[in-house]
Full PDB file with SEQRES, HELIX, SHEET, SSBOND, CRYST1, ORIGX, SCALE, CONECT and MASTER records, all heavy atoms in Angstrom:
SEQRES   1 A   37  SER ARG VAL PRO TRP LEU HIS LEU ILE GLU ASP TYR ASP          
SEQRES   2 A   37  ARG ILE ARG ASP LEU ILE GLU LYS ILE TYR PRO ASP PHE          
SEQRES   3 A   37  HIS ASP TYR ASN ALA ARG ILE ARG VAL PRO GLY                  
HELIX    1 AA1 TRP A    5  LEU A    8  1                                   4    
HELIX    2 AA2 TYR A   12  ILE A   22  1                                  11    
HELIX    3 AA3 PRO A   24  PHE A   26  5                                   3    
HELIX    4 AA4 TYR A   29  ILE A   33  1                                   5    
CRYST1    1.000    1.000    1.000  90.00  90.00  90.00 P 1           1          
ORIGX1      1.000000  0.000000  0.000000        0.00000                         
ORIGX2      0.000000  1.000000  0.000000        0.00000                         
ORIGX3      0.000000  0.000000  1.000000        0.00000                         
SCALE1      1.000000  0.000000  0.000000        0.00000                         
SCALE2      0.000000  1.000000  0.000000        0.00000                         
SCALE3      0.000000  0.000000  1.000000        0.00000                         
ATOM      1  N   SER A   1      51.341  22.795   6.856  1.00  0.00           N  
ATOM      2  CA  SER A   1      52.801  22.909   6.888  1.00  0.00           C  
ATOM      3  C   SER A   1      53.338  22.853   8.311  1.00  0.00           C  
ATOM      4  O   SER A   1      52.738  23.390   9.247  1.00  0.00           O  
ATOM      5  CB  SER A   1      53.236  24.228   6.243  1.00  0.00           C  
ATOM      6  OG  SER A   1      54.632  24.414   6.382  1.00  0.00           O  
ATOM      7  N   ARG A   2      54.521  22.217   8.457  1.00  0.00           N  
ATOM      8  CA  ARG A   2      55.200  22.204   9.747  1.00  0.00           C  
ATOM      9  C   ARG A   2      56.164  23.371   9.878  1.00  0.00           C  
ATOM     10  O   ARG A   2      56.847  23.508  10.897  1.00  0.00           O  
ATOM     11  CB  ARG A   2      55.948  20.879   9.911  1.00  0.00           C  
ATOM     12  CG  ARG A   2      54.997  19.676  10.024  1.00  0.00           C  
ATOM     13  CD  ARG A   2      55.727  18.354  10.092  1.00  0.00           C  
ATOM     14  NE  ARG A   2      56.610  18.283  11.240  1.00  0.00           N  
ATOM     15  CZ  ARG A   2      57.382  17.225  11.523  1.00  0.00           C  
ATOM     16  NH1 ARG A   2      57.357  16.167  10.731  1.00  0.00           N  
ATOM     17  NH2 ARG A   2      58.165  17.228  12.579  1.00  0.00           N  
ATOM     18  N   VAL A   3      56.243  24.202   8.859  1.00  0.00           N  
ATOM     19  CA  VAL A   3      57.087  25.397   8.906  1.00  0.00           C  
ATOM     20  C   VAL A   3      56.284  26.529   9.540  1.00  0.00           C  
ATOM     21  O   VAL A   3      55.182  26.848   9.069  1.00  0.00           O  
ATOM     22  CB  VAL A   3      57.552  25.806   7.495  1.00  0.00           C  
ATOM     23  CG1 VAL A   3      58.453  27.038   7.566  1.00  0.00           C  
ATOM     24  CG2 VAL A   3      58.271  24.647   6.808  1.00  0.00           C  
ATOM     25  N   PRO A   4      56.792  27.169  10.580  1.00  0.00           N  
ATOM     26  CA  PRO A   4      56.029  28.242  11.245  1.00  0.00           C  
ATOM     27  C   PRO A   4      56.161  29.566  10.483  1.00  0.00           C  
ATOM     28  O   PRO A   4      56.810  30.510  10.934  1.00  0.00           O  
ATOM     29  CB  PRO A   4      56.686  28.316  12.623  1.00  0.00           C  
ATOM     30  CG  PRO A   4      58.110  27.914  12.378  1.00  0.00           C  
ATOM     31  CD  PRO A   4      58.068  26.877  11.287  1.00  0.00           C  
ATOM     32  N   TRP A   5      55.530  29.646   9.337  1.00  0.00           N  
ATOM     33  CA  TRP A   5      55.748  30.759   8.416  1.00  0.00           C  
ATOM     34  C   TRP A   5      55.544  32.125   9.074  1.00  0.00           C  
ATOM     35  O   TRP A   5      56.405  33.011   8.970  1.00  0.00           O  
ATOM     36  CB  TRP A   5      54.815  30.621   7.211  1.00  0.00           C  
ATOM     37  CG  TRP A   5      55.083  29.401   6.388  1.00  0.00           C  
ATOM     38  CD1 TRP A   5      54.343  28.256   6.340  1.00  0.00           C  
ATOM     39  CD2 TRP A   5      56.197  29.184   5.513  1.00  0.00           C  
ATOM     40  NE1 TRP A   5      54.914  27.344   5.499  1.00  0.00           N  
ATOM     41  CE2 TRP A   5      56.052  27.889   4.961  1.00  0.00           C  
ATOM     42  CE3 TRP A   5      57.293  29.962   5.123  1.00  0.00           C  
ATOM     43  CZ2 TRP A   5      56.957  27.358   4.050  1.00  0.00           C  
ATOM     44  CZ3 TRP A   5      58.200  29.433   4.220  1.00  0.00           C  
ATOM     45  CH2 TRP A   5      58.037  28.154   3.694  1.00  0.00           C  
ATOM     46  N   LEU A   6      54.434  32.353   9.716  1.00  0.00           N  
ATOM     47  CA  LEU A   6      54.128  33.676  10.264  1.00  0.00           C  
ATOM     48  C   LEU A   6      55.007  33.992  11.467  1.00  0.00           C  
ATOM     49  O   LEU A   6      55.353  35.163  11.707  1.00  0.00           O  
ATOM     50  CB  LEU A   6      52.647  33.762  10.627  1.00  0.00           C  
ATOM     51  CG  LEU A   6      51.676  33.487   9.470  1.00  0.00           C  
ATOM     52  CD1 LEU A   6      50.235  33.735   9.911  1.00  0.00           C  
ATOM     53  CD2 LEU A   6      52.020  34.328   8.241  1.00  0.00           C  
ATOM     54  N   HIS A   7      55.389  32.986  12.218  1.00  0.00           N  
ATOM     55  CA  HIS A   7      56.304  33.181  13.348  1.00  0.00           C  
ATOM     56  C   HIS A   7      57.686  33.624  12.846  1.00  0.00           C  
ATOM     57  O   HIS A   7      58.325  34.496  13.459  1.00  0.00           O  
ATOM     58  CB  HIS A   7      56.410  31.875  14.143  1.00  0.00           C  
ATOM     59  CG  HIS A   7      57.384  31.923  15.281  1.00  0.00           C  
ATOM     60  ND1 HIS A   7      57.154  32.636  16.441  1.00  0.00           N  
ATOM     61  CD2 HIS A   7      58.606  31.340  15.437  1.00  0.00           C  
ATOM     62  CE1 HIS A   7      58.177  32.491  17.264  1.00  0.00           C  
ATOM     63  NE2 HIS A   7      59.075  31.714  16.680  1.00  0.00           N  
ATOM     64  N   LEU A   8      58.127  33.062  11.738  1.00  0.00           N  
ATOM     65  CA  LEU A   8      59.462  33.367  11.226  1.00  0.00           C  
ATOM     66  C   LEU A   8      59.608  34.833  10.838  1.00  0.00           C  
ATOM     67  O   LEU A   8      60.652  35.449  11.083  1.00  0.00           O  
ATOM     68  CB  LEU A   8      59.781  32.479  10.022  1.00  0.00           C  
ATOM     69  CG  LEU A   8      59.989  30.992  10.297  1.00  0.00           C  
ATOM     70  CD1 LEU A   8      60.230  30.236   8.997  1.00  0.00           C  
ATOM     71  CD2 LEU A   8      61.152  30.788  11.257  1.00  0.00           C  
ATOM     72  N   ILE A   9      58.575  35.400  10.236  1.00  0.00           N  
ATOM     73  CA  ILE A   9      58.740  36.770   9.739  1.00  0.00           C  
ATOM     74  C   ILE A   9      58.605  37.819  10.834  1.00  0.00           C  
ATOM     75  O   ILE A   9      58.857  39.005  10.592  1.00  0.00           O  
ATOM     76  CB  ILE A   9      57.771  37.076   8.584  1.00  0.00           C  
ATOM     77  CG1 ILE A   9      56.319  36.965   9.039  1.00  0.00           C  
ATOM     78  CG2 ILE A   9      58.066  36.194   7.395  1.00  0.00           C  
ATOM     79  CD1 ILE A   9      55.338  37.589   8.071  1.00  0.00           C  
ATOM     80  N   GLU A  10      58.235  37.418  12.026  1.00  0.00           N  
ATOM     81  CA  GLU A  10      58.207  38.383  13.122  1.00  0.00           C  
ATOM     82  C   GLU A  10      59.616  38.858  13.470  1.00  0.00           C  
ATOM     83  O   GLU A  10      59.793  39.971  13.961  1.00  0.00           O  
ATOM     84  CB  GLU A  10      57.550  37.753  14.354  1.00  0.00           C  
ATOM     85  CG  GLU A  10      56.075  37.463  14.185  1.00  0.00           C  
ATOM     86  CD  GLU A  10      55.495  36.745  15.393  1.00  0.00           C  
ATOM     87  OE1 GLU A  10      56.274  36.374  16.311  1.00  0.00           O  
ATOM     88  OE2 GLU A  10      54.265  36.555  15.422  1.00  0.00           O  
ATOM     89  N   ASP A  11      60.593  38.006  13.226  1.00  0.00           N  
ATOM     90  CA  ASP A  11      61.986  38.331  13.559  1.00  0.00           C  
ATOM     91  C   ASP A  11      62.870  37.549  12.596  1.00  0.00           C  
ATOM     92  O   ASP A  11      62.905  36.318  12.631  1.00  0.00           O  
ATOM     93  CB  ASP A  11      62.291  37.926  15.009  1.00  0.00           C  
ATOM     94  CG  ASP A  11      63.669  38.401  15.471  1.00  0.00           C  
ATOM     95  OD1 ASP A  11      64.555  38.597  14.614  1.00  0.00           O  
ATOM     96  OD2 ASP A  11      63.852  38.552  16.693  1.00  0.00           O  
ATOM     97  N   TYR A  12      63.601  38.258  11.723  1.00  0.00           N  
ATOM     98  CA  TYR A  12      64.391  37.573  10.700  1.00  0.00           C  
ATOM     99  C   TYR A  12      65.554  36.782  11.286  1.00  0.00           C  
ATOM    100  O   TYR A  12      66.130  35.929  10.599  1.00  0.00           O  
ATOM    101  CB  TYR A  12      64.904  38.568   9.668  1.00  0.00           C  
ATOM    102  CG  TYR A  12      63.827  39.221   8.822  1.00  0.00           C  
ATOM    103  CD1 TYR A  12      64.146  40.225   7.912  1.00  0.00           C  
ATOM    104  CD2 TYR A  12      62.490  38.838   8.919  1.00  0.00           C  
ATOM    105  CE1 TYR A  12      63.178  40.839   7.140  1.00  0.00           C  
ATOM    106  CE2 TYR A  12      61.508  39.442   8.154  1.00  0.00           C  
ATOM    107  CZ  TYR A  12      61.857  40.449   7.270  1.00  0.00           C  
ATOM    108  OH  TYR A  12      60.885  41.047   6.507  1.00  0.00           O  
ATOM    109  N   ASP A  13      65.911  37.031  12.547  1.00  0.00           N  
ATOM    110  CA  ASP A  13      66.903  36.177  13.201  1.00  0.00           C  
ATOM    111  C   ASP A  13      66.441  34.723  13.181  1.00  0.00           C  
ATOM    112  O   ASP A  13      67.253  33.794  13.091  1.00  0.00           O  
ATOM    113  CB  ASP A  13      67.120  36.608  14.657  1.00  0.00           C  
ATOM    114  CG  ASP A  13      68.062  37.798  14.784  1.00  0.00           C  
ATOM    115  OD1 ASP A  13      68.474  38.341  13.736  1.00  0.00           O  
ATOM    116  OD2 ASP A  13      68.383  38.179  15.923  1.00  0.00           O  
ATOM    117  N   ARG A  14      65.127  34.516  13.280  1.00  0.00           N  
ATOM    118  CA  ARG A  14      64.591  33.154  13.285  1.00  0.00           C  
ATOM    119  C   ARG A  14      64.818  32.477  11.929  1.00  0.00           C  
ATOM    120  O   ARG A  14      65.078  31.274  11.858  1.00  0.00           O  
ATOM    121  CB  ARG A  14      63.102  33.189  13.616  1.00  0.00           C  
ATOM    122  CG  ARG A  14      62.800  33.745  15.003  1.00  0.00           C  
ATOM    123  CD  ARG A  14      61.312  34.041  15.185  1.00  0.00           C  
ATOM    124  NE  ARG A  14      61.051  34.692  16.481  1.00  0.00           N  
ATOM    125  CZ  ARG A  14      59.895  35.243  16.817  1.00  0.00           C  
ATOM    126  NH1 ARG A  14      58.880  35.235  15.951  1.00  0.00           N  
ATOM    127  NH2 ARG A  14      59.739  35.811  18.012  1.00  0.00           N  
ATOM    128  N   ILE A  15      64.706  33.252  10.867  1.00  0.00           N  
ATOM    129  CA  ILE A  15      64.981  32.704   9.531  1.00  0.00           C  
ATOM    130  C   ILE A  15      66.452  32.320   9.428  1.00  0.00           C  
ATOM    131  O   ILE A  15      66.804  31.235   8.946  1.00  0.00           O  
ATOM    132  CB  ILE A  15      64.610  33.718   8.430  1.00  0.00           C  
ATOM    133  CG1 ILE A  15      63.147  34.144   8.545  1.00  0.00           C  
ATOM    134  CG2 ILE A  15      64.900  33.137   7.049  1.00  0.00           C  
ATOM    135  CD1 ILE A  15      62.748  35.262   7.598  1.00  0.00           C  
ATOM    136  N   ARG A  16      67.323  33.202   9.912  1.00  0.00           N  
ATOM    137  CA  ARG A  16      68.763  32.925   9.834  1.00  0.00           C  
ATOM    138  C   ARG A  16      69.157  31.732  10.709  1.00  0.00           C  
ATOM    139  O   ARG A  16      70.077  30.982  10.365  1.00  0.00           O  
ATOM    140  CB  ARG A  16      69.547  34.185  10.187  1.00  0.00           C  
ATOM    141  CG  ARG A  16      69.423  35.270   9.111  1.00  0.00           C  
ATOM    142  CD  ARG A  16      70.295  36.465   9.396  1.00  0.00           C  
ATOM    143  NE  ARG A  16      69.724  37.343  10.399  1.00  0.00           N  
ATOM    144  CZ  ARG A  16      68.927  38.377  10.141  1.00  0.00           C  
ATOM    145  NH1 ARG A  16      68.571  38.654   8.890  1.00  0.00           N  
ATOM    146  NH2 ARG A  16      68.467  39.148  11.118  1.00  0.00           N  
ATOM    147  N   ASP A  17      68.473  31.553  11.823  1.00  0.00           N  
ATOM    148  CA  ASP A  17      68.734  30.362  12.645  1.00  0.00           C  
ATOM    149  C   ASP A  17      68.453  29.084  11.854  1.00  0.00           C  
ATOM    150  O   ASP A  17      69.176  28.080  11.990  1.00  0.00           O  
ATOM    151  CB  ASP A  17      67.865  30.380  13.909  1.00  0.00           C  
ATOM    152  CG  ASP A  17      68.354  31.384  14.955  1.00  0.00           C  
ATOM    153  OD1 ASP A  17      69.542  31.771  14.902  1.00  0.00           O  
ATOM    154  OD2 ASP A  17      67.541  31.774  15.820  1.00  0.00           O  
ATOM    155  N   LEU A  18      67.417  29.113  11.031  1.00  0.00           N  
ATOM    156  CA  LEU A  18      67.092  27.943  10.221  1.00  0.00           C  
ATOM    157  C   LEU A  18      68.068  27.780   9.059  1.00  0.00           C  
ATOM    158  O   LEU A  18      68.415  26.653   8.683  1.00  0.00           O  
ATOM    159  CB  LEU A  18      65.660  28.051   9.695  1.00  0.00           C  
ATOM    160  CG  LEU A  18      64.559  27.913  10.749  1.00  0.00           C  
ATOM    161  CD1 LEU A  18      63.192  28.171  10.129  1.00  0.00           C  
ATOM    162  CD2 LEU A  18      64.591  26.523  11.387  1.00  0.00           C  
ATOM    163  N   ILE A  19      68.515  28.900   8.490  1.00  0.00           N  
ATOM    164  CA  ILE A  19      69.484  28.817   7.397  1.00  0.00           C  
ATOM    165  C   ILE A  19      70.738  28.074   7.855  1.00  0.00           C  
ATOM    166  O   ILE A  19      71.264  27.208   7.146  1.00  0.00           O  
ATOM    167  CB  ILE A  19      69.840  30.226   6.872  1.00  0.00           C  
ATOM    168  CG1 ILE A  19      68.642  30.835   6.129  1.00  0.00           C  
ATOM    169  CG2 ILE A  19      71.059  30.171   5.949  1.00  0.00           C  
ATOM    170  CD1 ILE A  19      68.839  32.266   5.682  1.00  0.00           C  
ATOM    171  N   GLU A  20      71.224  28.371   9.058  1.00  0.00           N  
ATOM    172  CA  GLU A  20      72.451  27.712   9.504  1.00  0.00           C  
ATOM    173  C   GLU A  20      72.219  26.238   9.827  1.00  0.00           C  
ATOM    174  O   GLU A  20      73.161  25.444   9.806  1.00  0.00           O  
ATOM    175  CB  GLU A  20      73.084  28.451  10.681  1.00  0.00           C  
ATOM    176  CG  GLU A  20      72.350  28.402  11.993  1.00  0.00           C  
ATOM    177  CD  GLU A  20      73.160  29.090  13.098  1.00  0.00           C  
ATOM    178  OE1 GLU A  20      73.238  30.342  13.114  1.00  0.00           O  
ATOM    179  OE2 GLU A  20      73.708  28.367  13.946  1.00  0.00           O  
ATOM    180  N   LYS A  21      70.982  25.845  10.102  1.00  0.00           N  
ATOM    181  CA  LYS A  21      70.701  24.419  10.296  1.00  0.00           C  
ATOM    182  C   LYS A  21      70.786  23.655   8.975  1.00  0.00           C  
ATOM    183  O   LYS A  21      71.171  22.482   8.946  1.00  0.00           O  
ATOM    184  CB  LYS A  21      69.308  24.230  10.903  1.00  0.00           C  
ATOM    185  CG  LYS A  21      69.216  24.589  12.379  1.00  0.00           C  
ATOM    186  CD  LYS A  21      67.840  24.224  12.928  1.00  0.00           C  
ATOM    187  CE  LYS A  21      67.751  24.506  14.421  1.00  0.00           C  
ATOM    188  NZ  LYS A  21      66.443  24.098  14.982  1.00  0.00           N  
ATOM    189  N   ILE A  22      70.413  24.307   7.894  1.00  0.00           N  
ATOM    190  CA  ILE A  22      70.427  23.651   6.581  1.00  0.00           C  
ATOM    191  C   ILE A  22      71.809  23.746   5.939  1.00  0.00           C  
ATOM    192  O   ILE A  22      72.263  22.817   5.281  1.00  0.00           O  
ATOM    193  CB  ILE A  22      69.366  24.268   5.642  1.00  0.00           C  
ATOM    194  CG1 ILE A  22      67.996  24.324   6.335  1.00  0.00           C  
ATOM    195  CG2 ILE A  22      69.278  23.491   4.333  1.00  0.00           C  
ATOM    196  CD1 ILE A  22      67.440  22.980   6.725  1.00  0.00           C  
ATOM    197  N   TYR A  23      72.492  24.877   6.149  1.00  0.00           N  
ATOM    198  CA  TYR A  23      73.783  25.133   5.500  1.00  0.00           C  
ATOM    199  C   TYR A  23      74.829  25.440   6.571  1.00  0.00           C  
ATOM    200  O   TYR A  23      74.919  26.584   7.051  1.00  0.00           O  
ATOM    201  CB  TYR A  23      73.663  26.300   4.513  1.00  0.00           C  
ATOM    202  CG  TYR A  23      72.469  26.160   3.599  1.00  0.00           C  
ATOM    203  CD1 TYR A  23      71.300  26.882   3.828  1.00  0.00           C  
ATOM    204  CD2 TYR A  23      72.491  25.270   2.539  1.00  0.00           C  
ATOM    205  CE1 TYR A  23      70.194  26.730   3.019  1.00  0.00           C  
ATOM    206  CE2 TYR A  23      71.380  25.107   1.723  1.00  0.00           C  
ATOM    207  CZ  TYR A  23      70.233  25.841   1.965  1.00  0.00           C  
ATOM    208  OH  TYR A  23      69.142  25.671   1.160  1.00  0.00           O  
ATOM    209  N   PRO A  24      75.625  24.447   6.976  1.00  0.00           N  
ATOM    210  CA  PRO A  24      76.569  24.630   8.088  1.00  0.00           C  
ATOM    211  C   PRO A  24      77.564  25.763   7.888  1.00  0.00           C  
ATOM    212  O   PRO A  24      78.092  26.291   8.871  1.00  0.00           O  
ATOM    213  CB  PRO A  24      77.282  23.269   8.147  1.00  0.00           C  
ATOM    214  CG  PRO A  24      76.304  22.301   7.562  1.00  0.00           C  
ATOM    215  CD  PRO A  24      75.584  23.069   6.492  1.00  0.00           C  
ATOM    216  N   ASP A  25      77.824  26.143   6.636  1.00  0.00           N  
ATOM    217  CA  ASP A  25      78.771  27.234   6.394  1.00  0.00           C  
ATOM    218  C   ASP A  25      78.278  28.554   6.978  1.00  0.00           C  
ATOM    219  O   ASP A  25      79.043  29.500   7.146  1.00  0.00           O  
ATOM    220  CB  ASP A  25      79.000  27.381   4.886  1.00  0.00           C  
ATOM    221  CG  ASP A  25      80.371  27.937   4.562  1.00  0.00           C  
ATOM    222  OD1 ASP A  25      81.230  27.975   5.469  1.00  0.00           O  
ATOM    223  OD2 ASP A  25      80.593  28.334   3.408  1.00  0.00           O  
ATOM    224  N   PHE A  26      76.971  28.622   7.310  1.00  0.00           N  
ATOM    225  CA  PHE A  26      76.390  29.828   7.903  1.00  0.00           C  
ATOM    226  C   PHE A  26      76.332  29.733   9.431  1.00  0.00           C  
ATOM    227  O   PHE A  26      75.504  30.396  10.053  1.00  0.00           O  
ATOM    228  CB  PHE A  26      74.985  30.059   7.351  1.00  0.00           C  
ATOM    229  CG  PHE A  26      74.946  30.599   5.949  1.00  0.00           C  
ATOM    230  CD1 PHE A  26      74.984  29.745   4.862  1.00  0.00           C  
ATOM    231  CD2 PHE A  26      74.883  31.960   5.714  1.00  0.00           C  
ATOM    232  CE1 PHE A  26      74.949  30.225   3.560  1.00  0.00           C  
ATOM    233  CE2 PHE A  26      74.849  32.461   4.420  1.00  0.00           C  
ATOM    234  CZ  PHE A  26      74.887  31.587   3.336  1.00  0.00           C  
ATOM    235  N   HIS A  27      77.220  28.957  10.030  1.00  0.00           N  
ATOM    236  CA  HIS A  27      77.209  28.802  11.489  1.00  0.00           C  
ATOM    237  C   HIS A  27      77.347  30.164  12.176  1.00  0.00           C  
ATOM    238  O   HIS A  27      78.008  31.078  11.668  1.00  0.00           O  
ATOM    239  CB  HIS A  27      78.337  27.863  11.934  1.00  0.00           C  
ATOM    240  CG  HIS A  27      79.711  28.382  11.631  1.00  0.00           C  
ATOM    241  ND1 HIS A  27      80.410  29.217  12.474  1.00  0.00           N  
ATOM    242  CD2 HIS A  27      80.515  28.170  10.557  1.00  0.00           C  
ATOM    243  CE1 HIS A  27      81.571  29.507  11.950  1.00  0.00           C  
ATOM    244  NE2 HIS A  27      81.675  28.898  10.788  1.00  0.00           N  
ATOM    245  N   ASP A  28      76.712  30.297  13.327  1.00  0.00           N  
ATOM    246  CA  ASP A  28      76.736  31.553  14.092  1.00  0.00           C  
ATOM    247  C   ASP A  28      76.315  32.743  13.225  1.00  0.00           C  
ATOM    248  O   ASP A  28      76.855  33.846  13.345  1.00  0.00           O  
ATOM    249  CB  ASP A  28      78.131  31.810  14.683  1.00  0.00           C  
ATOM    250  CG  ASP A  28      78.594  30.677  15.568  1.00  0.00           C  
ATOM    251  OD1 ASP A  28      77.787  30.198  16.385  1.00  0.00           O  
ATOM    252  OD2 ASP A  28      79.757  30.250  15.437  1.00  0.00           O  
ATOM    253  N   TYR A  29      75.332  32.495  12.378  1.00  0.00           N  
ATOM    254  CA  TYR A  29      74.922  33.481  11.366  1.00  0.00           C  
ATOM    255  C   TYR A  29      74.584  34.835  11.993  1.00  0.00           C  
ATOM    256  O   TYR A  29      75.138  35.878  11.614  1.00  0.00           O  
ATOM    257  CB  TYR A  29      73.723  32.912  10.621  1.00  0.00           C  
ATOM    258  CG  TYR A  29      73.378  33.547   9.295  1.00  0.00           C  
ATOM    259  CD1 TYR A  29      72.394  32.968   8.490  1.00  0.00           C  
ATOM    260  CD2 TYR A  29      74.003  34.687   8.818  1.00  0.00           C  
ATOM    261  CE1 TYR A  29      72.048  33.503   7.264  1.00  0.00           C  
ATOM    262  CE2 TYR A  29      73.666  35.237   7.591  1.00  0.00           C  
ATOM    263  CZ  TYR A  29      72.687  34.638   6.820  1.00  0.00           C  
ATOM    264  OH  TYR A  29      72.344  35.176   5.607  1.00  0.00           O  
ATOM    265  N   ASN A  30      73.694  34.834  12.952  1.00  0.00           N  
ATOM    266  CA  ASN A  30      73.242  36.107  13.518  1.00  0.00           C  
ATOM    267  C   ASN A  30      74.364  36.861  14.223  1.00  0.00           C  
ATOM    268  O   ASN A  30      74.427  38.094  14.145  1.00  0.00           O  
ATOM    269  CB  ASN A  30      72.069  35.860  14.471  1.00  0.00           C  
ATOM    270  CG  ASN A  30      70.765  35.631  13.716  1.00  0.00           C  
ATOM    271  OD1 ASN A  30      70.394  36.424  12.864  1.00  0.00           O  
ATOM    272  ND2 ASN A  30      70.099  34.521  14.011  1.00  0.00           N  
ATOM    273  N   ALA A  31      75.228  36.145  14.887  1.00  0.00           N  
ATOM    274  CA  ALA A  31      76.347  36.815  15.557  1.00  0.00           C  
ATOM    275  C   ALA A  31      77.312  37.405  14.538  1.00  0.00           C  
ATOM    276  O   ALA A  31      77.793  38.537  14.694  1.00  0.00           O  
ATOM    277  CB  ALA A  31      77.082  35.830  16.464  1.00  0.00           C  
ATOM    278  N   ARG A  32      77.575  36.669  13.483  1.00  0.00           N  
ATOM    279  CA  ARG A  32      78.596  37.116  12.526  1.00  0.00           C  
ATOM    280  C   ARG A  32      78.125  38.272  11.651  1.00  0.00           C  
ATOM    281  O   ARG A  32      78.940  39.095  11.226  1.00  0.00           O  
ATOM    282  CB  ARG A  32      79.066  35.942  11.668  1.00  0.00           C  
ATOM    283  CG  ARG A  32      79.896  34.927  12.468  1.00  0.00           C  
ATOM    284  CD  ARG A  32      80.697  34.016  11.546  1.00  0.00           C  
ATOM    285  NE  ARG A  32      79.850  33.050  10.867  1.00  0.00           N  
ATOM    286  CZ  ARG A  32      80.275  32.290   9.846  1.00  0.00           C  
ATOM    287  NH1 ARG A  32      81.512  32.422   9.390  1.00  0.00           N  
ATOM    288  NH2 ARG A  32      79.452  31.415   9.282  1.00  0.00           N  
ATOM    289  N   ILE A  33      76.820  38.361  11.369  1.00  0.00           N  
ATOM    290  CA  ILE A  33      76.393  39.503  10.548  1.00  0.00           C  
ATOM    291  C   ILE A  33      76.309  40.792  11.360  1.00  0.00           C  
ATOM    292  O   ILE A  33      76.181  41.882  10.787  1.00  0.00           O  
ATOM    293  CB  ILE A  33      75.048  39.257   9.835  1.00  0.00           C  
ATOM    294  CG1 ILE A  33      73.918  39.084  10.846  1.00  0.00           C  
ATOM    295  CG2 ILE A  33      75.146  38.136   8.849  1.00  0.00           C  
ATOM    296  CD1 ILE A  33      72.561  39.431  10.283  1.00  0.00           C  
ATOM    297  N   ARG A  34      76.395  40.678  12.668  1.00  0.00           N  
ATOM    298  CA  ARG A  34      76.402  41.890  13.490  1.00  0.00           C  
ATOM    299  C   ARG A  34      77.795  42.497  13.599  1.00  0.00           C  
ATOM    300  O   ARG A  34      77.968  43.585  14.144  1.00  0.00           O  
ATOM    301  CB  ARG A  34      75.814  41.581  14.869  1.00  0.00           C  
ATOM    302  CG  ARG A  34      74.290  41.417  14.818  1.00  0.00           C  
ATOM    303  CD  ARG A  34      73.694  40.922  16.130  1.00  0.00           C  
ATOM    304  NE  ARG A  34      72.237  41.002  16.130  1.00  0.00           N  
ATOM    305  CZ  ARG A  34      71.422  40.146  15.536  1.00  0.00           C  
ATOM    306  NH1 ARG A  34      71.934  39.120  14.876  1.00  0.00           N  
ATOM    307  NH2 ARG A  34      70.103  40.302  15.582  1.00  0.00           N  
ATOM    308  N   VAL A  35      78.784  41.823  13.072  1.00  0.00           N  
ATOM    309  CA  VAL A  35      80.135  42.377  12.985  1.00  0.00           C  
ATOM    310  C   VAL A  35      80.189  43.236  11.720  1.00  0.00           C  
ATOM    311  O   VAL A  35      79.823  42.769  10.640  1.00  0.00           O  
ATOM    312  CB  VAL A  35      81.184  41.254  12.900  1.00  0.00           C  
ATOM    313  CG1 VAL A  35      82.578  41.842  12.724  1.00  0.00           C  
ATOM    314  CG2 VAL A  35      81.112  40.376  14.136  1.00  0.00           C  
ATOM    315  N   PRO A  36      80.606  44.498  11.820  1.00  0.00           N  
ATOM    316  CA  PRO A  36      80.663  45.344  10.618  1.00  0.00           C  
ATOM    317  C   PRO A  36      81.444  44.675   9.488  1.00  0.00           C  
ATOM    318  O   PRO A  36      82.545  44.176   9.697  1.00  0.00           O  
ATOM    319  CB  PRO A  36      81.381  46.607  11.114  1.00  0.00           C  
ATOM    320  CG  PRO A  36      81.045  46.663  12.576  1.00  0.00           C  
ATOM    321  CD  PRO A  36      81.006  45.229  13.033  1.00  0.00           C  
ATOM    322  N   GLY A  37      80.844  44.653   8.321  1.00  0.00           N  
ATOM    323  CA  GLY A  37      81.489  44.007   7.186  1.00  0.00           C  
ATOM    324  C   GLY A  37      81.103  42.559   7.009  1.00  0.00           C  
ATOM    325  O   GLY A  37      81.336  41.971   5.960  1.00  0.00           O  
TER     326      GLY A  37                                                      
MASTER        0    0    0    4    0    0    0    6  325    1    0    3          
END                                                                             
């Protein structure tokens, strides 16, 4: 696999970085979930 599976789970921010690459509606994902609510 070209997916770095074990690297991703070390820090879930890395998973969210990939989510926003696939789904543009999740842009700035990590920054926006750090805002309360």
